[in-house]
Amino acid sequence: MIGIPHLLVHEHNDNVGVVVVEGLKSGTKMLCCITADNSTFELEAMADVPIGHKVALDDLKKGDTATKYGEDIGKFISDVIKGGHVHVHNLKTKRW
């Protein structure tokens, strides 16, 4: 795949990635880049997602751990479908 990525994923074991373009719309076939080795994959956005917000890389269930940077960043408080918007409405950080 060639082009500018829509989504950055830091590590292969992450289950969320970060949107890095303005105006990401539902139905977009996103170019996703894993920054650990610059490998790429495609994923369809299942919602409009603002820049800086996260997208689920798999179907995730309430109670699952969110992994970003290869680290535990919180717990899902509701289910999220693959390609779905991940933010404060469905993810609770462990910081507070």
Protein backbone atom coordinates (compact mmCIF):
# COMPACT_ATOMS: atom_id res chain seq x y z
CA MET A 1 0.00 0.00 0.00
CA ILE A 2 1.22 3.45 -0.84
CA GLY A 3 -0.15 6.69 0.53
CA ILE A 4 -0.56 8.77 3.62
CA PRO A 5 -1.80 6.75 6.60
CA HIS A 6 -5.14 7.49 8.21
CA LEU A 7 -4.31 5.55 11.40
CA LEU A 8 -1.12 4.95 13.38
CA VAL A 9 -0.64 1.84 15.50
CA HIS A 10 2.48 1.75 17.66
CA GLU A 11 3.02 -1.97 18.36
CA HIS A 12 1.80 -5.23 16.81
CA ASN A 13 -0.05 -6.23 19.99
CA ASP A 14 -1.99 -2.92 20.24
CA ASN A 15 -5.75 -3.23 19.85
CA VAL A 16 -6.38 0.48 19.16
CA GLY A 17 -4.81 2.95 16.75
CA VAL A 18 -4.90 6.75 16.53
CA VAL A 19 -6.54 8.70 13.69
CA VAL A 20 -4.01 11.11 12.16
CA VAL A 21 -6.16 12.82 9.49
CA GLU A 22 -8.93 15.42 9.73
CA GLY A 23 -12.47 14.44 8.80
CA LEU A 24 -12.26 10.64 8.84
CA LYS A 25 -15.68 9.39 7.69
CA SER A 26 -17.47 6.12 8.26
CA GLY A 27 -16.84 3.73 5.38
CA THR A 28 -13.32 4.98 4.69
CA LYS A 29 -10.87 2.19 3.91
CA MET A 30 -8.07 3.43 6.16
CA LEU A 31 -4.40 2.91 5.44
CA CYS A 32 -2.97 1.89 8.83
CA CYS A 33 0.73 1.95 9.68
CA ILE A 34 2.38 0.04 12.52
CA THR A 35 5.17 2.38 13.52
CA ALA A 36 7.28 -0.36 15.18
CA ASP A 37 8.30 -1.63 11.73
CA ASN A 38 6.42 0.57 9.21
CA SER A 39 4.24 -2.34 8.11
CA THR A 40 0.75 -1.47 6.85
CA PHE A 41 -2.74 -2.91 6.67
CA GLU A 42 -6.23 -1.73 5.72
CA LEU A 43 -9.22 -1.33 8.03
CA GLU A 44 -12.66 0.14 7.33
CA ALA A 45 -13.78 2.97 9.62
CA MET A 46 -17.20 2.09 11.04
CA ALA A 47 -17.86 5.62 12.35
CA ASP A 48 -16.82 9.21 11.77
CA VAL A 49 -13.76 9.66 14.02
CA PRO A 50 -12.05 12.98 14.87
CA ILE A 51 -8.31 13.38 14.52
CA GLY A 52 -6.49 12.23 17.68
CA HIS A 53 -9.21 9.78 18.70
CA LYS A 54 -8.76 6.01 18.64
CA VAL A 55 -10.20 3.21 16.49
CA ALA A 56 -10.65 -0.42 17.56
CA LEU A 57 -8.50 -2.87 15.58
CA ASP A 58 -10.66 -5.85 16.60
CA ASP A 59 -14.09 -6.46 18.09
CA LEU A 60 -13.59 -5.57 21.76
CA LYS A 61 -15.86 -6.43 24.68
CA LYS A 62 -16.79 -4.59 27.86
CA GLY A 63 -14.07 -5.38 30.41
CA ASP A 64 -11.33 -5.92 27.81
CA THR A 65 -8.04 -4.10 28.26
CA ALA A 66 -7.15 -1.37 25.77
CA THR A 67 -3.57 -1.65 24.54
CA LYS A 68 -1.68 1.27 22.97
CA TYR A 69 2.12 1.71 22.77
CA GLY A 70 2.23 -1.96 23.80
CA GLU A 71 0.87 -0.83 27.20
CA ASP A 72 -2.40 -1.21 29.11
CA ILE A 73 -4.14 2.20 28.82
CA GLY A 74 -7.53 1.32 30.29
CA LYS A 75 -10.64 -0.85 30.29
CA PHE A 76 -13.53 -0.85 27.84
CA ILE A 77 -16.80 0.10 29.54
CA SER A 78 -18.85 -1.05 26.55
CA ASP A 79 -18.41 -3.22 23.48
CA VAL A 80 -16.73 -1.71 20.40
CA ILE A 81 -16.82 -3.20 16.91
CA LYS A 82 -13.73 -3.51 14.73
CA GLY A 83 -13.23 -0.13 13.07
CA GLY A 84 -15.34 1.60 15.74
CA HIS A 85 -14.65 4.89 17.50
CA VAL A 86 -12.85 4.51 20.85
CA HIS A 87 -13.00 7.44 23.27
CA VAL A 88 -14.34 8.40 26.70
CA HIS A 89 -17.82 7.05 25.87
CA ASN A 90 -16.52 3.46 25.79
CA LEU A 91 -13.06 3.51 27.41
CA LYS A 92 -12.10 4.34 30.99
CA THR A 93 -8.49 5.24 31.59
CA LYS A 94 -6.77 3.80 34.66
CA ARG A 95 -5.13 7.15 35.40
CA TRP A 96 -8.23 8.55 37.13
